[in-house]
């Protein structure tokens, strides 16, 4: 379980982008079925029309998957931004104020950011 979590943490950005793309694709399939039934857009719409009422589930799944992808994408960038801003400081007291919060956020980021925090701790002589 630990290896899976570490793998997901290392590739969270790429996986969130892939999840967003899959969610958009499924959402587009549902939208085409319900709003553009009469329009022939080629082979793609024939496949969508063959799925019939399953497109309702596809539309809902697309919304859910898209939401999950956007959530992970947004949380990655907000945590990353926070950690990078805190690492920029050269004052030990300022870094100590948010040290616990930085440590918590770094747990959810790739190991590259954990190394940056460790180096900053060594630089500022923090245990």
Protein backbone atom coordinates (compact mmCIF):
# COMPACT_ATOMS: atom_id res chain seq x y z
CA UNK A 1 0.00 0.00 0.00
CA UNK A 2 2.85 2.33 0.84
CA UNK A 3 4.44 1.85 -2.57
CA UNK A 4 1.19 2.70 -4.35
CA UNK A 5 0.76 5.86 -2.30
CA UNK A 6 4.35 6.91 -2.99
CA UNK A 7 3.89 6.25 -6.70
CA UNK A 8 0.67 8.28 -6.81
CA UNK A 9 2.35 11.11 -4.89
CA UNK A 10 5.25 11.24 -7.34
CA UNK A 11 2.99 11.48 -10.38
CA UNK A 12 0.04 13.43 -8.95
CA UNK A 13 0.32 16.21 -11.54
CA UNK A 14 0.33 13.89 -14.55
CA UNK A 15 -2.40 11.69 -13.13
CA UNK A 16 -4.62 14.67 -12.38
CA UNK A 17 -4.19 15.95 -15.94
CA UNK A 18 -5.04 12.50 -17.34
CA UNK A 19 -8.09 12.36 -15.05
CA UNK A 20 -9.23 15.78 -16.29
CA UNK A 21 -8.87 14.66 -19.91
CA UNK A 22 -10.84 11.45 -19.30
CA UNK A 23 -13.52 13.39 -17.44
CA UNK A 24 -13.81 15.92 -20.27
CA UNK A 25 -14.04 13.11 -22.84
CA UNK A 26 -16.86 11.36 -20.95
CA UNK A 27 -18.63 14.65 -20.31
CA UNK A 28 -18.41 15.49 -24.02
CA UNK A 29 -19.89 12.10 -24.90
CA UNK A 30 -22.90 12.73 -22.67
CA UNK A 31 -23.36 16.27 -23.94
CA UNK A 32 -23.25 15.15 -27.56
CA UNK A 33 -25.85 12.47 -26.90
CA UNK A 34 -28.33 14.69 -25.07
CA UNK A 35 -27.93 18.00 -26.88
CA UNK A 36 -26.85 17.03 -30.38
CA UNK A 37 -28.86 13.85 -31.06
CA UNK A 38 -30.05 15.00 -34.46
CA UNK A 39 -26.68 16.25 -35.72
CA UNK A 40 -24.50 13.74 -37.55
CA UNK A 41 -20.89 14.39 -36.70
CA UNK A 42 -19.54 11.19 -38.22
CA UNK A 43 -18.40 7.87 -36.85
CA UNK A 44 -17.93 9.22 -33.32
CA UNK A 45 -21.60 10.11 -32.90
CA UNK A 46 -22.67 6.70 -34.20
CA UNK A 47 -20.77 5.05 -31.37
CA UNK A 48 -22.29 7.45 -28.86
CA UNK A 49 -25.81 6.85 -30.16
CA UNK A 50 -25.29 3.08 -29.95
CA UNK A 51 -24.70 3.44 -26.22
CA UNK A 52 -28.22 4.78 -25.85
CA UNK A 53 -29.36 5.67 -22.36
CA UNK A 54 -26.04 4.56 -20.90
CA UNK A 55 -24.92 8.06 -21.81
CA UNK A 56 -26.69 9.33 -18.68
CA UNK A 57 -24.27 7.31 -16.56
CA UNK A 58 -21.38 8.38 -18.77
CA UNK A 59 -22.35 12.04 -18.32
CA UNK A 60 -22.53 11.69 -14.53
CA UNK A 61 -19.27 9.72 -14.42
CA UNK A 62 -17.63 12.40 -16.55
CA UNK A 63 -18.73 15.13 -14.15
CA UNK A 64 -17.44 13.18 -11.14
CA UNK A 65 -14.12 12.26 -12.76
CA UNK A 66 -13.62 15.81 -14.03
CA UNK A 67 -14.30 17.17 -10.54
CA UNK A 68 -11.80 14.77 -8.97
CA UNK A 69 -9.14 15.68 -11.52
CA UNK A 70 -9.65 19.41 -11.02
CA UNK A 71 -9.55 18.98 -7.23
CA UNK A 72 -6.22 17.13 -7.28
CA UNK A 73 -4.77 19.54 -9.84
CA UNK A 74 -5.80 22.57 -7.76
CA UNK A 75 -4.64 21.07 -4.44
CA UNK A 76 -1.27 20.13 -5.94
CA UNK A 77 -0.64 23.65 -7.18
CA UNK A 78 -1.79 25.38 -3.99
CA UNK A 79 0.38 23.13 -1.81
CA UNK A 80 3.32 23.50 -4.18
CA UNK A 81 2.96 27.27 -4.24
CA UNK A 82 2.77 27.46 -0.44
CA UNK A 83 5.86 25.29 0.06
CA UNK A 84 7.91 27.17 -2.53
CA UNK A 85 6.97 30.52 -0.99
CA UNK A 86 7.97 29.34 2.47
CA UNK A 87 11.28 27.96 1.22
CA UNK A 88 12.15 31.34 -0.31
CA UNK A 89 12.50 32.97 3.11
CA UNK A 90 15.95 33.40 4.59
CA UNK A 91 14.74 34.23 8.08
CA UNK A 92 14.77 31.34 10.51
CA UNK A 93 11.97 32.77 12.65
CA UNK A 94 9.60 33.13 9.69
CA UNK A 95 10.29 29.59 8.56
CA UNK A 96 9.75 28.23 12.09
CA UNK A 97 6.32 29.91 12.28
CA UNK A 98 5.03 27.75 9.43
CA UNK A 99 7.35 24.78 9.79
CA UNK A 100 4.63 22.33 10.91
CA UNK A 101 2.30 23.42 8.14
CA UNK A 102 5.09 23.08 5.56
CA UNK A 103 5.88 19.56 6.82
CA UNK A 104 2.22 18.52 6.49
CA UNK A 105 1.88 19.92 2.97
CA UNK A 106 5.16 18.40 1.81
CA UNK A 107 3.88 14.92 2.71
CA UNK A 108 1.40 15.20 -0.16
CA UNK A 109 3.92 16.44 -2.72
CA UNK A 110 6.57 14.58 -4.72
CA UNK A 111 9.86 13.73 -3.01
CA UNK A 112 11.59 16.60 -4.81
CA UNK A 113 9.82 19.06 -2.51
CA UNK A 114 10.63 16.99 0.56
CA UNK A 115 14.29 17.28 -0.36
CA UNK A 116 13.95 21.05 -0.79
CA UNK A 117 12.48 21.36 2.71
CA UNK A 118 15.22 19.14 4.19
CA UNK A 119 17.87 21.31 2.55
CA UNK A 120 16.21 24.45 3.88
CA UNK A 121 16.10 22.93 7.37
CA UNK A 122 19.83 22.17 7.16
CA UNK A 123 20.54 25.67 5.90
CA UNK A 124 18.60 27.28 8.75
CA UNK A 125 19.78 24.66 11.29
CA UNK A 126 16.33 23.41 12.21
CA UNK A 127 15.81 19.91 13.62
